[in-house]
Amino acid sequence: MSPLSPYLNLDPRYLIQDTEEFILPTGANKTRGRFELAFFTIGGCCMTGAAIGAVNGLRLGFKETRDMAWSKPRNVQILNMVTRQGALWANTLGSLALLYSTFGVVIEKVRGAEDDLNTVAAGSLTGLLYKSTAGLRGAARGGFAGFVLTGLYAVYNNWDHLKGVSVWHSL
């Protein structure tokens, strides 16, 4: 085996890395848990909400100022709508993500397991609590919406596993 460089008397086989470069404590998982992912989820939802709200605000701003001539007051009104809608959507999605992440971490710690049941339960409780100010019927609708959305996510997340299991073969 020839050396890497005439100036470095080094066998290139020593430079090949077969393992990851991360140092983990003994017994630690190589994947992130729900608590570590909560920060990414909350921040990502806030940023996504701000972007969606800004686009929606731009649309509403153009719609509401359609009859005005291009001028400084029109521009200011459009910018105000973009800012207002961006903040509204960011707060809404950030609040939902905070509730979902909190419920997910608590359920994981109580159950001692991390699976799709935690995801669906956290989503259901998030919808229930978020819409609890709308009365019992509104809370039930919110819980059902959270259940459906997180249930669809759980099915999507396990689609490869579910494709291999056929209901008709078991009958």
N, C-alpha and C. Protein backbone atom coordinates (compact mmCIF):
# COMPACT_ATOMS: atom_id res chain seq x y z
N MET A 1 0.85 -1.18 0.00
CA MET A 1 0.00 0.00 0.00
C MET A 1 0.89 1.24 0.00
N SER A 2 0.68 2.11 -0.95
CA SER A 2 1.52 3.30 -1.04
C SER A 2 1.02 4.37 -0.07
N PRO A 3 1.93 5.15 0.46
CA PRO A 3 1.49 6.20 1.40
C PRO A 3 0.67 7.27 0.69
N LEU A 4 -0.08 8.02 1.46
CA LEU A 4 -0.96 9.07 0.95
C LEU A 4 -0.16 10.18 0.30
N SER A 5 0.92 10.52 0.87
CA SER A 5 1.75 11.61 0.38
C SER A 5 3.20 11.25 0.66
N PRO A 6 4.13 11.71 -0.20
CA PRO A 6 5.53 11.41 0.10
C PRO A 6 6.01 12.12 1.37
N TYR A 7 5.29 13.16 1.78
CA TYR A 7 5.69 13.90 2.98
C TYR A 7 5.06 13.33 4.24
N LEU A 8 3.95 12.60 4.05
CA LEU A 8 3.29 11.97 5.19
C LEU A 8 3.44 10.47 5.06
N ASN A 9 4.14 9.88 5.94
CA ASN A 9 4.32 8.44 5.92
C ASN A 9 3.13 7.82 6.65
N LEU A 10 1.99 7.73 5.94
CA LEU A 10 0.75 7.31 6.57
C LEU A 10 0.01 6.34 5.65
N ASP A 11 -0.44 5.27 6.21
CA ASP A 11 -1.22 4.29 5.44
C ASP A 11 -2.65 4.82 5.27
N PRO A 12 -3.19 4.93 4.05
CA PRO A 12 -4.52 5.49 3.84
C PRO A 12 -5.65 4.68 4.49
N ARG A 13 -5.41 3.44 4.82
CA ARG A 13 -6.45 2.63 5.47
C ARG A 13 -6.83 3.20 6.83
N TYR A 14 -5.92 3.92 7.45
CA TYR A 14 -6.21 4.49 8.75
C TYR A 14 -7.17 5.69 8.65
N LEU A 15 -7.32 6.24 7.46
CA LEU A 15 -8.19 7.40 7.28
C LEU A 15 -9.64 7.02 7.00
N ILE A 16 -9.90 5.76 6.67
CA ILE A 16 -11.26 5.30 6.39
C ILE A 16 -11.98 5.11 7.72
N GLN A 17 -13.15 5.71 7.81
CA GLN A 17 -13.92 5.60 9.05
C GLN A 17 -15.12 4.70 8.81
N ASP A 18 -15.22 3.65 9.60
CA ASP A 18 -16.34 2.73 9.49
C ASP A 18 -17.46 3.06 10.45
N THR A 19 -17.19 3.89 11.42
CA THR A 19 -18.20 4.19 12.43
C THR A 19 -18.53 5.67 12.40
N GLU A 20 -19.60 6.02 13.09
CA GLU A 20 -20.00 7.42 13.17
C GLU A 20 -19.01 8.20 14.03
N GLU A 21 -19.00 9.50 13.86
CA GLU A 21 -18.04 10.34 14.57
C GLU A 21 -18.61 10.92 15.85
N PHE A 22 -19.79 10.50 16.26
CA PHE A 22 -20.41 11.06 17.45
C PHE A 22 -20.03 10.25 18.68
N ILE A 23 -19.77 10.95 19.74
CA ILE A 23 -19.46 10.30 21.00
C ILE A 23 -20.72 10.34 21.85
N LEU A 24 -21.23 9.18 22.18
CA LEU A 24 -22.46 9.08 22.98
C LEU A 24 -22.14 8.43 24.32
N PRO A 25 -22.84 8.84 25.36
CA PRO A 25 -22.65 8.16 26.64
C PRO A 25 -23.04 6.69 26.53
N THR A 26 -22.47 5.88 27.38
CA THR A 26 -22.75 4.45 27.35
C THR A 26 -24.24 4.20 27.53
N GLY A 27 -24.82 3.42 26.64
CA GLY A 27 -26.23 3.08 26.72
C GLY A 27 -27.17 4.11 26.12
N ALA A 28 -26.64 5.18 25.56
CA ALA A 28 -27.50 6.23 25.00
C ALA A 28 -27.97 5.83 23.60
N ASN A 29 -29.16 6.31 23.25
CA ASN A 29 -29.72 6.07 21.93
C ASN A 29 -29.00 6.89 20.88
N LYS A 30 -28.98 6.39 19.64
CA LYS A 30 -28.39 7.15 18.55
C LYS A 30 -29.42 8.05 17.88
N THR A 31 -30.67 7.91 18.28
CA THR A 31 -31.72 8.77 17.74
C THR A 31 -32.16 9.76 18.80
N ARG A 32 -32.75 10.82 18.35
CA ARG A 32 -33.23 11.83 19.28
C ARG A 32 -34.57 11.40 19.87
N GLY A 33 -34.75 11.71 21.12
CA GLY A 33 -36.02 11.40 21.78
C GLY A 33 -37.02 12.52 21.55
N ARG A 34 -38.18 12.35 22.12
CA ARG A 34 -39.25 13.34 21.95
C ARG A 34 -38.87 14.69 22.53
N PHE A 35 -38.15 14.71 23.63
CA PHE A 35 -37.78 15.98 24.25
C PHE A 35 -36.84 16.77 23.36
N GLU A 36 -35.85 16.09 22.77
CA GLU A 36 -34.92 16.78 21.88
C GLU A 36 -35.61 17.26 20.62
N LEU A 37 -36.54 16.48 20.09
CA LEU A 37 -37.27 16.85 18.89
C LEU A 37 -38.30 17.96 19.14
N ALA A 38 -38.68 18.16 20.39
CA ALA A 38 -39.69 19.18 20.72
C ALA A 38 -39.21 20.57 20.32
N PHE A 39 -37.94 20.85 20.53
CA PHE A 39 -37.41 22.17 20.20
C PHE A 39 -37.46 22.42 18.70
N PHE A 40 -37.10 21.41 17.93
CA PHE A 40 -37.16 21.52 16.48
C PHE A 40 -38.61 21.68 16.01
N THR A 41 -39.51 20.91 16.62
CA THR A 41 -40.92 20.96 16.23
C THR A 41 -41.52 22.33 16.50
N ILE A 42 -41.28 22.87 17.68
CA ILE A 42 -41.84 24.17 18.03
C ILE A 42 -41.26 25.28 17.15
N GLY A 43 -39.96 25.30 16.99
CA GLY A 43 -39.34 26.32 16.14
C GLY A 43 -39.75 26.19 14.68
N GLY A 44 -39.81 24.96 14.20
CA GLY A 44 -40.23 24.74 12.82
C GLY A 44 -41.67 25.18 12.57
N CYS A 45 -42.54 24.91 13.52
CA CYS A 45 -43.94 25.33 13.37
C CYS A 45 -44.07 26.84 13.43
N CYS A 46 -43.32 27.49 14.30
CA CYS A 46 -43.36 28.96 14.34
C CYS A 46 -42.89 29.56 13.02
N MET A 47 -41.80 29.04 12.48
CA MET A 47 -41.28 29.57 11.22
C MET A 47 -42.23 29.27 10.06
N THR A 48 -42.80 28.07 10.04
CA THR A 48 -43.76 27.72 9.00
C THR A 48 -45.00 28.59 9.09
N GLY A 49 -45.48 28.80 10.32
CA GLY A 49 -46.64 29.67 10.52
C GLY A 49 -46.37 31.09 10.07
N ALA A 50 -45.18 31.59 10.36
CA ALA A 50 -44.84 32.95 9.93
C ALA A 50 -44.81 33.05 8.41
N ALA A 51 -44.27 32.04 7.76
CA ALA A 51 -44.21 32.06 6.29
C ALA A 51 -45.60 31.96 5.67
N ILE A 52 -46.42 31.05 6.19
CA ILE A 52 -47.79 30.91 5.68
C ILE A 52 -48.58 32.19 5.94
N GLY A 53 -48.43 32.73 7.14
CA GLY A 53 -49.13 33.96 7.47
C GLY A 53 -48.69 35.14 6.62
N ALA A 54 -47.40 35.22 6.32
CA ALA A 54 -46.92 36.32 5.48
C ALA A 54 -47.49 36.23 4.07
N VAL A 55 -47.53 35.02 3.52
CA VAL A 55 -48.12 34.86 2.19
C VAL A 55 -49.61 35.18 2.23
N ASN A 56 -50.30 34.70 3.26
CA ASN A 56 -51.72 34.99 3.40
C ASN A 56 -51.95 36.50 3.60
N GLY A 57 -51.10 37.13 4.39
CA GLY A 57 -51.21 38.57 4.60
C GLY A 57 -50.97 39.36 3.32
N LEU A 58 -50.03 38.90 2.52
CA LEU A 58 -49.78 39.55 1.24
C LEU A 58 -51.00 39.43 0.33
N ARG A 59 -51.59 38.26 0.32
CA ARG A 59 -52.80 38.04 -0.49
C ARG A 59 -53.94 38.93 -0.01
N LEU A 60 -54.15 38.95 1.31
CA LEU A 60 -55.23 39.79 1.87
C LEU A 60 -54.94 41.28 1.67
N GLY A 61 -53.67 41.66 1.81
CA GLY A 61 -53.30 43.06 1.62
C GLY A 61 -53.57 43.54 0.21
N PHE A 62 -53.22 42.71 -0.77
CA PHE A 62 -53.52 43.08 -2.16
C PHE A 62 -55.02 43.12 -2.42
N LYS A 63 -55.73 42.18 -1.79
CA LYS A 63 -57.18 42.11 -1.99
C LYS A 63 -57.88 43.34 -1.39
N GLU A 64 -57.47 43.72 -0.18
CA GLU A 64 -58.13 44.84 0.51
C GLU A 64 -57.75 46.20 -0.07
N THR A 65 -56.59 46.31 -0.67
CA THR A 65 -56.15 47.60 -1.20
C THR A 65 -56.24 47.64 -2.73
N ARG A 66 -57.04 46.78 -3.28
CA ARG A 66 -57.17 46.65 -4.73
C ARG A 66 -57.59 47.97 -5.39
N ASP A 67 -58.48 48.72 -4.73
CA ASP A 67 -59.01 49.95 -5.33
C ASP A 67 -58.11 51.17 -5.10
N MET A 68 -57.07 51.02 -4.30
CA MET A 68 -56.17 52.14 -4.01
C MET A 68 -55.08 52.23 -5.08
N ALA A 69 -54.62 53.43 -5.33
CA ALA A 69 -53.50 53.62 -6.25
C ALA A 69 -52.20 53.23 -5.53
N TRP A 70 -51.17 52.87 -6.30
CA TRP A 70 -49.89 52.53 -5.69
C TRP A 70 -49.32 53.78 -5.02
N SER A 71 -49.25 53.72 -3.70
CA SER A 71 -48.75 54.85 -2.94
C SER A 71 -48.17 54.33 -1.64
N LYS A 72 -47.60 55.23 -0.89
CA LYS A 72 -47.01 54.86 0.39
C LYS A 72 -48.07 54.32 1.37
N PRO A 73 -49.24 54.94 1.49
CA PRO A 73 -50.25 54.37 2.39
C PRO A 73 -50.66 52.95 2.01
N ARG A 74 -50.75 52.66 0.71
CA ARG A 74 -51.11 51.30 0.28
C ARG A 74 -50.00 50.32 0.67
N ASN A 75 -48.77 50.70 0.44
CA ASN A 75 -47.65 49.83 0.80
C ASN A 75 -47.61 49.56 2.31
N VAL A 76 -47.86 50.60 3.09
CA VAL A 76 -47.86 50.44 4.55
C VAL A 76 -49.00 49.52 4.98
N GLN A 77 -50.14 49.67 4.37
CA GLN A 77 -51.29 48.83 4.72
C GLN A 77 -51.01 47.36 4.36
N ILE A 78 -50.38 47.13 3.23
CA ILE A 78 -50.03 45.76 2.84
C ILE A 78 -49.01 45.18 3.81
N LEU A 79 -48.00 45.97 4.16
CA LEU A 79 -46.98 45.49 5.11
C LEU A 79 -47.58 45.21 6.49
N ASN A 80 -48.51 46.04 6.91
CA ASN A 80 -49.18 45.79 8.19
C ASN A 80 -49.95 44.47 8.16
N MET A 81 -50.61 44.20 7.04
CA MET A 81 -51.37 42.96 6.93
C MET A 81 -50.42 41.75 6.93
N VAL A 82 -49.29 41.87 6.23
CA VAL A 82 -48.31 40.78 6.21
C VAL A 82 -47.78 40.51 7.62
N THR A 83 -47.45 41.57 8.32
CA THR A 83 -46.92 41.42 9.69
C THR A 83 -47.95 40.84 10.63
N ARG A 84 -49.16 41.35 10.55
CA ARG A 84 -50.23 40.89 11.44
C ARG A 84 -50.55 39.41 11.21
N GLN A 85 -50.72 39.04 9.94
CA GLN A 85 -51.04 37.65 9.62
C GLN A 85 -49.88 36.71 9.94
N GLY A 86 -48.65 37.16 9.68
CA GLY A 86 -47.48 36.35 9.99
C GLY A 86 -47.39 36.04 11.48
N ALA A 87 -47.60 37.06 12.31
CA ALA A 87 -47.55 36.85 13.76
C ALA A 87 -48.70 35.97 14.23
N LEU A 88 -49.88 36.16 13.67
CA LEU A 88 -51.04 35.37 14.07
C LEU A 88 -50.81 33.88 13.77
N TRP A 89 -50.38 33.58 12.56
CA TRP A 89 -50.15 32.19 12.19
C TRP A 89 -48.98 31.59 12.97
N ALA A 90 -47.92 32.36 13.18
CA ALA A 90 -46.77 31.85 13.93
C ALA A 90 -47.16 31.52 15.37
N ASN A 91 -47.94 32.39 15.99
CA ASN A 91 -48.39 32.13 17.36
C ASN A 91 -49.31 30.92 17.43
N THR A 92 -50.20 30.80 16.45
CA THR A 92 -51.13 29.67 16.46
C THR A 92 -50.40 28.35 16.30
N LEU A 93 -49.58 28.24 15.26
CA LEU A 93 -48.88 26.97 15.04
C LEU A 93 -47.84 26.71 16.14
N GLY A 94 -47.20 27.75 16.64
CA GLY A 94 -46.25 27.57 17.74
C GLY A 94 -46.93 27.09 19.01
N SER A 95 -48.11 27.61 19.30
CA SER A 95 -48.86 27.16 20.48
C SER A 95 -49.28 25.71 20.34
N LEU A 96 -49.77 25.35 19.15
CA LEU A 96 -50.15 23.96 18.92
C LEU A 96 -48.94 23.03 19.05
N ALA A 97 -47.80 23.43 18.52
CA ALA A 97 -46.60 22.60 18.62
C ALA A 97 -46.12 22.48 20.06
N LEU A 98 -46.23 23.57 20.82
CA LEU A 98 -45.84 23.52 22.22
C LEU A 98 -46.72 22.55 23.01
N LEU A 99 -48.04 22.65 22.80
CA LEU A 99 -48.95 21.72 23.49
C LEU A 99 -48.67 20.28 23.08
N TYR A 100 -48.55 20.05 21.77
CA TYR A 100 -48.30 18.69 21.27
C TYR A 100 -47.00 18.12 21.84
N SER A 101 -45.95 18.92 21.83
CA SER A 101 -44.65 18.44 22.33
C SER A 101 -44.70 18.17 23.83
N THR A 102 -45.36 19.05 24.56
CA THR A 102 -45.48 18.85 26.01
C THR A 102 -46.25 17.58 26.33
N PHE A 103 -47.39 17.41 25.69
CA PHE A 103 -48.17 16.19 25.91
C PHE A 103 -47.37 14.96 25.49
N GLY A 104 -46.66 15.03 24.38
CA GLY A 104 -45.88 13.89 23.92
C GLY A 104 -44.79 13.49 24.89
N VAL A 105 -44.07 14.47 25.42
CA VAL A 105 -43.00 14.17 26.38
C VAL A 105 -43.57 13.60 27.67
N VAL A 106 -44.65 14.20 28.17
CA VAL A 106 -45.25 13.71 29.42
C VAL A 106 -45.78 12.30 29.24
N ILE A 107 -46.47 12.03 28.14
CA ILE A 107 -47.01 10.69 27.91
C ILE A 107 -45.89 9.67 27.77
N GLU A 108 -44.81 10.06 27.09
CA GLU A 108 -43.67 9.14 26.97
C GLU A 108 -43.07 8.82 28.33
N LYS A 109 -42.92 9.82 29.18
CA LYS A 109 -42.34 9.59 30.50
C LYS A 109 -43.26 8.75 31.37
N VAL A 110 -44.57 8.98 31.28
CA VAL A 110 -45.52 8.21 32.10
C VAL A 110 -45.59 6.76 31.64
N ARG A 111 -45.69 6.56 30.33
CA ARG A 111 -45.82 5.20 29.79
C ARG A 111 -44.49 4.46 29.76
N GLY A 112 -43.39 5.19 29.64
CA GLY A 112 -42.09 4.55 29.54
C GLY A 112 -41.82 3.93 28.18
N ALA A 113 -42.59 4.33 27.18
CA ALA A 113 -42.42 3.79 25.83
C ALA A 113 -42.63 4.91 24.81
N GLU A 114 -42.02 4.74 23.66
CA GLU A 114 -42.19 5.70 22.58
C GLU A 114 -42.74 4.97 21.37
N ASP A 115 -44.01 5.23 21.05
CA ASP A 115 -44.63 4.59 19.90
C ASP A 115 -45.71 5.50 19.33
N ASP A 116 -46.46 4.98 18.37
CA ASP A 116 -47.48 5.79 17.70
C ASP A 116 -48.67 6.09 18.60
N LEU A 117 -48.88 5.29 19.63
CA LEU A 117 -49.96 5.57 20.57
C LEU A 117 -49.71 6.91 21.28
N ASN A 118 -48.46 7.19 21.60
CA ASN A 118 -48.11 8.48 22.21
C ASN A 118 -48.42 9.63 21.25
N THR A 119 -48.11 9.43 19.98
CA THR A 119 -48.34 10.46 18.98
C THR A 119 -49.82 10.78 18.85
N VAL A 120 -50.64 9.75 18.73
CA VAL A 120 -52.08 9.95 18.58
C VAL A 120 -52.69 10.53 19.85
N ALA A 121 -52.25 10.06 21.00
CA ALA A 121 -52.77 10.60 22.26
C ALA A 121 -52.38 12.07 22.43
N ALA A 122 -51.14 12.41 22.11
CA ALA A 122 -50.69 13.80 22.23
C ALA A 122 -51.45 14.70 21.27
N GLY A 123 -51.69 14.24 20.06
CA GLY A 123 -52.46 15.02 19.10
C GLY A 123 -53.89 15.22 19.54
N SER A 124 -54.50 14.17 20.07
CA SER A 124 -55.88 14.27 20.53
C SER A 124 -56.01 15.24 21.71
N LEU A 125 -55.10 15.11 22.66
CA LEU A 125 -55.13 16.01 23.82
C LEU A 125 -54.83 17.45 23.43
N THR A 126 -53.96 17.64 22.45
CA THR A 126 -53.65 18.99 21.98
C THR A 126 -54.89 19.64 21.39
N GLY A 127 -55.58 18.95 20.51
CA GLY A 127 -56.80 19.49 19.92
C GLY A 127 -57.87 19.74 20.96
N LEU A 128 -57.98 18.83 21.91
CA LEU A 128 -58.97 18.96 22.98
C LEU A 128 -58.70 20.20 23.83
N LEU A 129 -57.47 20.39 24.25
CA LEU A 129 -57.13 21.53 25.10
C LEU A 129 -57.16 22.84 24.31
N TYR A 130 -56.69 22.81 23.07
CA TYR A 130 -56.63 24.04 22.28
C TYR A 130 -58.03 24.60 22.02
N LYS A 131 -58.98 23.72 21.80
CA LYS A 131 -60.35 24.16 21.51
C LYS A 131 -61.25 24.10 22.74
N SER A 132 -60.68 23.94 23.91
CA SER A 132 -61.49 23.82 25.13
C SER A 132 -62.26 25.10 25.46
N THR A 133 -61.83 26.24 24.97
CA THR A 133 -62.54 27.48 25.23
C THR A 133 -63.81 27.60 24.39
N ALA A 134 -63.98 26.72 23.40
CA ALA A 134 -65.17 26.75 22.54
C ALA A 134 -66.30 25.89 23.09
N GLY A 135 -66.18 25.45 24.31
CA GLY A 135 -67.23 24.62 24.91
C GLY A 135 -66.94 23.15 24.70
N LEU A 136 -67.85 22.33 25.22
CA LEU A 136 -67.67 20.89 25.17
C LEU A 136 -67.67 20.36 23.74
N ARG A 137 -68.59 20.86 22.93
CA ARG A 137 -68.67 20.41 21.54
C ARG A 137 -67.42 20.84 20.76
N GLY A 138 -66.96 22.06 20.96
CA GLY A 138 -65.76 22.55 20.28
C GLY A 138 -64.53 21.76 20.71
N ALA A 139 -64.44 21.45 22.00
CA ALA A 139 -63.31 20.66 22.50
C ALA A 139 -63.32 19.26 21.89
N ALA A 140 -64.52 18.68 21.78
CA ALA A 140 -64.62 17.35 21.18
C ALA A 140 -64.21 17.40 19.70
N ARG A 141 -64.61 18.44 19.00
CA ARG A 141 -64.20 18.58 17.59
C ARG A 141 -62.69 18.75 17.48
N GLY A 142 -62.12 19.56 18.37
CA GLY A 142 -60.67 19.75 18.35
C GLY A 142 -59.93 18.46 18.65
N GLY A 143 -60.41 17.71 19.64
CA GLY A 143 -59.79 16.43 19.97
C GLY A 143 -59.89 15.45 18.82
N PHE A 144 -61.04 15.44 18.15
CA PHE A 144 -61.23 14.55 17.01
C PHE A 144 -60.32 14.96 15.85
N ALA A 145 -60.19 16.26 15.61
CA ALA A 145 -59.31 16.74 14.55
C ALA A 145 -57.85 16.35 14.85
N GLY A 146 -57.43 16.51 16.09
CA GLY A 146 -56.08 16.09 16.48
C GLY A 146 -55.88 14.60 16.34
N PHE A 147 -56.90 13.83 16.68
CA PHE A 147 -56.86 12.38 16.55
C PHE A 147 -56.71 11.97 15.09
N VAL A 148 -57.51 12.58 14.22
CA VAL A 148 -57.47 12.24 12.79
C VAL A 148 -56.11 12.63 12.19
N LEU A 149 -55.64 13.86 12.46
CA LEU A 149 -54.38 14.31 11.87
C LEU A 149 -53.20 13.47 12.32
N THR A 150 -53.11 13.20 13.61
CA THR A 150 -51.98 12.40 14.10
C THR A 150 -52.15 10.93 13.72
N GLY A 151 -53.40 10.47 13.60
CA GLY A 151 -53.63 9.11 13.13
C GLY A 151 -53.17 8.94 11.69
N LEU A 152 -53.47 9.93 10.84
CA LEU A 152 -53.00 9.88 9.46
C LEU A 152 -51.48 9.93 9.39
N TYR A 153 -50.88 10.74 10.26
CA TYR A 153 -49.42 10.79 10.31
C TYR A 153 -48.84 9.44 10.73
N ALA A 154 -49.46 8.79 11.71
CA ALA A 154 -48.97 7.48 12.17
C ALA A 154 -49.10 6.43 11.07
N VAL A 155 -50.21 6.47 10.31
CA VAL A 155 -50.36 5.54 9.20
C VAL A 155 -49.30 5.81 8.13
N TYR A 156 -49.10 7.09 7.79
CA TYR A 156 -48.08 7.45 6.80
C TYR A 156 -46.70 7.02 7.26
N ASN A 157 -46.40 7.22 8.54
CA ASN A 157 -45.10 6.89 9.10
C ASN A 157 -44.83 5.38 9.07
N ASN A 158 -45.88 4.56 9.13
CA ASN A 158 -45.74 3.11 9.15
C ASN A 158 -46.26 2.46 7.88
N TRP A 159 -46.32 3.21 6.78
CA TRP A 159 -46.93 2.70 5.56
C TRP A 159 -46.22 1.45 5.03
N ASP A 160 -44.89 1.43 5.07
CA ASP A 160 -44.16 0.26 4.57
C ASP A 160 -44.50 -0.98 5.38
N HIS A 161 -44.63 -0.83 6.67
CA HIS A 161 -44.99 -1.96 7.54
C HIS A 161 -46.42 -2.41 7.27
N LEU A 162 -47.32 -1.44 7.07
CA LEU A 162 -48.73 -1.77 6.86
C LEU A 162 -48.97 -2.40 5.49
N LYS A 163 -48.16 -2.06 4.50
CA LYS A 163 -48.32 -2.66 3.17
C LYS A 163 -48.06 -4.16 3.22
N GLY A 164 -47.16 -4.59 4.08
CA GLY A 164 -46.84 -6.01 4.19
C GLY A 164 -47.91 -6.81 4.91
N VAL A 165 -48.75 -6.15 5.70
CA VAL A 165 -49.80 -6.82 6.45
C VAL A 165 -51.11 -6.62 5.70
N SER A 166 -51.72 -7.71 5.29
CA SER A 166 -52.98 -7.62 4.56
C SER A 166 -54.12 -8.10 5.44
N VAL A 167 -55.18 -7.34 5.45
CA VAL A 167 -56.37 -7.72 6.24
C VAL A 167 -57.02 -8.94 5.61
N TRP A 168 -56.99 -9.02 4.28
CA TRP A 168 -57.70 -10.09 3.59
C TRP A 168 -57.02 -11.44 3.80
N HIS A 169 -55.70 -11.46 4.04
CA HIS A 169 -55.02 -12.72 4.27
C HIS A 169 -55.39 -13.34 5.61
N SER A 170 -55.78 -12.52 6.55
CA SER A 170 -56.10 -13.02 7.87
C SER A 170 -57.52 -13.54 7.96
N LEU A 171 -58.36 -13.27 6.97
CA LEU A 171 -59.75 -13.74 7.00
C LEU A 171 -59.90 -15.14 6.47
